[in-house]
Amino acid sequence: MILDQAKTKTTYKKDRTSEKPLRSILKTVSWRIVGTLDTIAISWVLTGEIDTALAIGSVELVTKMVLYFGHERLWNMISFGKD
């Protein structure tokens, strides 16, 4: 199972060779740009107010970037789907 595979101990060196943390950071930033623009556009359509849409987008930008990075690093410890 996936959870059983996650329990296997990995070392930083092994983790680094599969996907470096810098790669996860860059993926996080690029995805958040796309996601935040989408959130701003939807918020603007729903509220009709660009200031509100930008406020929602700025809060969402920070919180989701932190959550995504943690999620990405956890998934990197799971061997499922890796060679």
C-alpha atoms as a PDB file:
ATOM      1  CA  MET A   1       0.000   0.000   0.000  1.00  0.00           C
ATOM      2  CA  ILE A   2       0.967   3.602  -0.390  1.00  0.00           C
ATOM      3  CA  LEU A   3       1.040   4.199   3.355  1.00  0.00           C
ATOM      4  CA  ASP A   4       3.347   1.229   3.907  1.00  0.00           C
ATOM      5  CA  GLN A   5       5.763   2.601   1.334  1.00  0.00           C
ATOM      6  CA  ALA A   6       5.756   5.999   3.031  1.00  0.00           C
ATOM      7  CA  LYS A   7       7.024   4.417   6.252  1.00  0.00           C
ATOM      8  CA  THR A   8      10.331   3.414   4.660  1.00  0.00           C
ATOM      9  CA  LYS A   9      13.113   5.622   5.928  1.00  0.00           C
ATOM     10  CA  THR A  10      14.763   7.806   3.310  1.00  0.00           C
ATOM     11  CA  THR A  11      17.943   9.744   3.671  1.00  0.00           C
ATOM     12  CA  TYR A  12      18.412  13.322   2.551  1.00  0.00           C
ATOM     13  CA  LYS A  13      20.971  12.147  -0.004  1.00  0.00           C
ATOM     14  CA  LYS A  14      18.522   9.653  -1.543  1.00  0.00           C
ATOM     15  CA  ASP A  15      15.690  12.185  -1.450  1.00  0.00           C
ATOM     16  CA  ARG A  16      17.926  14.801  -3.088  1.00  0.00           C
ATOM     17  CA  THR A  17      18.714  12.541  -6.029  1.00  0.00           C
ATOM     18  CA  SER A  18      15.084  11.754  -6.751  1.00  0.00           C
ATOM     19  CA  GLU A  19      13.916  15.363  -6.720  1.00  0.00           C
ATOM     20  CA  LYS A  20      15.815  18.252  -5.220  1.00  0.00           C
ATOM     21  CA  PRO A  21      14.017  20.594  -2.818  1.00  0.00           C
ATOM     22  CA  LEU A  22      14.843  23.541  -5.122  1.00  0.00           C
ATOM     23  CA  ARG A  23      12.854  21.832  -7.885  1.00  0.00           C
ATOM     24  CA  SER A  24       9.888  21.562  -5.522  1.00  0.00           C
ATOM     25  CA  ILE A  25      10.217  25.253  -4.663  1.00  0.00           C
ATOM     26  CA  LEU A  26      10.269  26.275  -8.340  1.00  0.00           C
ATOM     27  CA  LYS A  27       7.289  24.054  -9.110  1.00  0.00           C
ATOM     28  CA  THR A  28       5.476  25.569  -6.139  1.00  0.00           C
ATOM     29  CA  VAL A  29       6.064  29.138  -7.314  1.00  0.00           C
ATOM     30  CA  SER A  30       5.128  28.493 -10.952  1.00  0.00           C
ATOM     31  CA  TRP A  31       1.952  26.637 -10.021  1.00  0.00           C
ATOM     32  CA  ARG A  32       0.941  29.331  -7.524  1.00  0.00           C
ATOM     33  CA  ILE A  33       1.244  32.031 -10.184  1.00  0.00           C
ATOM     34  CA  VAL A  34      -1.226  30.125 -12.355  1.00  0.00           C
ATOM     35  CA  GLY A  35      -3.500  29.296  -9.410  1.00  0.00           C
ATOM     36  CA  THR A  36      -3.492  32.832  -8.020  1.00  0.00           C
ATOM     37  CA  LEU A  37      -4.332  34.405 -11.368  1.00  0.00           C
ATOM     38  CA  ASP A  38      -7.222  31.974 -11.633  1.00  0.00           C
ATOM     39  CA  THR A  39      -8.417  32.814  -8.100  1.00  0.00           C
ATOM     40  CA  ILE A  40      -8.219  36.557  -8.797  1.00  0.00           C
ATOM     41  CA  ALA A  41     -10.172  36.195 -12.037  1.00  0.00           C
ATOM     42  CA  ILE A  42     -12.907  34.086 -10.417  1.00  0.00           C
ATOM     43  CA  SER A  43     -13.097  36.404  -7.401  1.00  0.00           C
ATOM     44  CA  TRP A  44     -13.407  39.422  -9.696  1.00  0.00           C
ATOM     45  CA  VAL A  45     -16.205  37.793 -11.694  1.00  0.00           C
ATOM     46  CA  LEU A  46     -18.091  36.800  -8.531  1.00  0.00           C
ATOM     47  CA  THR A  47     -17.646  40.041  -6.578  1.00  0.00           C
ATOM     48  CA  GLY A  48     -17.312  42.573  -9.373  1.00  0.00           C
ATOM     49  CA  GLU A  49     -14.619  44.298  -7.309  1.00  0.00           C
ATOM     50  CA  ILE A  50     -10.983  44.131  -8.359  1.00  0.00           C
ATOM     51  CA  ASP A  51      -9.738  45.264  -4.924  1.00  0.00           C
ATOM     52  CA  THR A  52     -11.534  42.389  -3.213  1.00  0.00           C
ATOM     53  CA  ALA A  53     -10.303  39.947  -5.857  1.00  0.00           C
ATOM     54  CA  LEU A  54      -6.694  41.081  -5.375  1.00  0.00           C
ATOM     55  CA  ALA A  55      -7.022  40.812  -1.578  1.00  0.00           C
ATOM     56  CA  ILE A  56      -8.363  37.256  -1.860  1.00  0.00           C
ATOM     57  CA  GLY A  57      -5.609  36.361  -4.344  1.00  0.00           C
ATOM     58  CA  SER A  58      -2.815  37.737  -2.170  1.00  0.00           C
ATOM     59  CA  VAL A  59      -3.892  35.784   0.921  1.00  0.00           C
ATOM     60  CA  GLU A  60      -4.418  32.637  -1.120  1.00  0.00           C
ATOM     61  CA  LEU A  61      -1.002  33.008  -2.756  1.00  0.00           C
ATOM     62  CA  VAL A  62       0.886  32.665   0.522  1.00  0.00           C
ATOM     63  CA  THR A  63      -1.219  30.022   2.249  1.00  0.00           C
ATOM     64  CA  LYS A  64      -1.445  27.689  -0.713  1.00  0.00           C
ATOM     65  CA  MET A  65       2.252  27.982  -1.534  1.00  0.00           C
ATOM     66  CA  VAL A  66       3.183  26.791   1.946  1.00  0.00           C
ATOM     67  CA  LEU A  67       0.610  23.989   1.829  1.00  0.00           C
ATOM     68  CA  TYR A  68       1.715  22.849  -1.628  1.00  0.00           C
ATOM     69  CA  PHE A  69       5.403  22.758  -0.722  1.00  0.00           C
ATOM     70  CA  GLY A  70       4.669  20.588   2.327  1.00  0.00           C
ATOM     71  CA  HIS A  71       2.419  18.342   0.246  1.00  0.00           C
ATOM     72  CA  GLU A  72       5.089  18.000  -2.452  1.00  0.00           C
ATOM     73  CA  ARG A  73       7.801  17.080   0.040  1.00  0.00           C
ATOM     74  CA  LEU A  74       5.566  14.475   1.705  1.00  0.00           C
ATOM     75  CA  TRP A  75       4.793  12.886  -1.665  1.00  0.00           C
ATOM     76  CA  ASN A  76       8.507  12.810  -2.447  1.00  0.00           C
ATOM     77  CA  MET A  77       8.960  10.433   0.511  1.00  0.00           C
ATOM     78  CA  ILE A  78       6.470   7.962  -1.009  1.00  0.00           C
ATOM     79  CA  SER A  79       8.051   5.525  -3.439  1.00  0.00           C
ATOM     80  CA  PHE A  80       4.790   4.745  -5.256  1.00  0.00           C
ATOM     81  CA  GLY A  81       5.134   5.612  -8.954  1.00  0.00           C
ATOM     82  CA  LYS A  82       8.879   6.194  -8.826  1.00  0.00           C
ATOM     83  CA  ASP A  83      11.401   4.067 -10.694  1.00  0.00           C
END
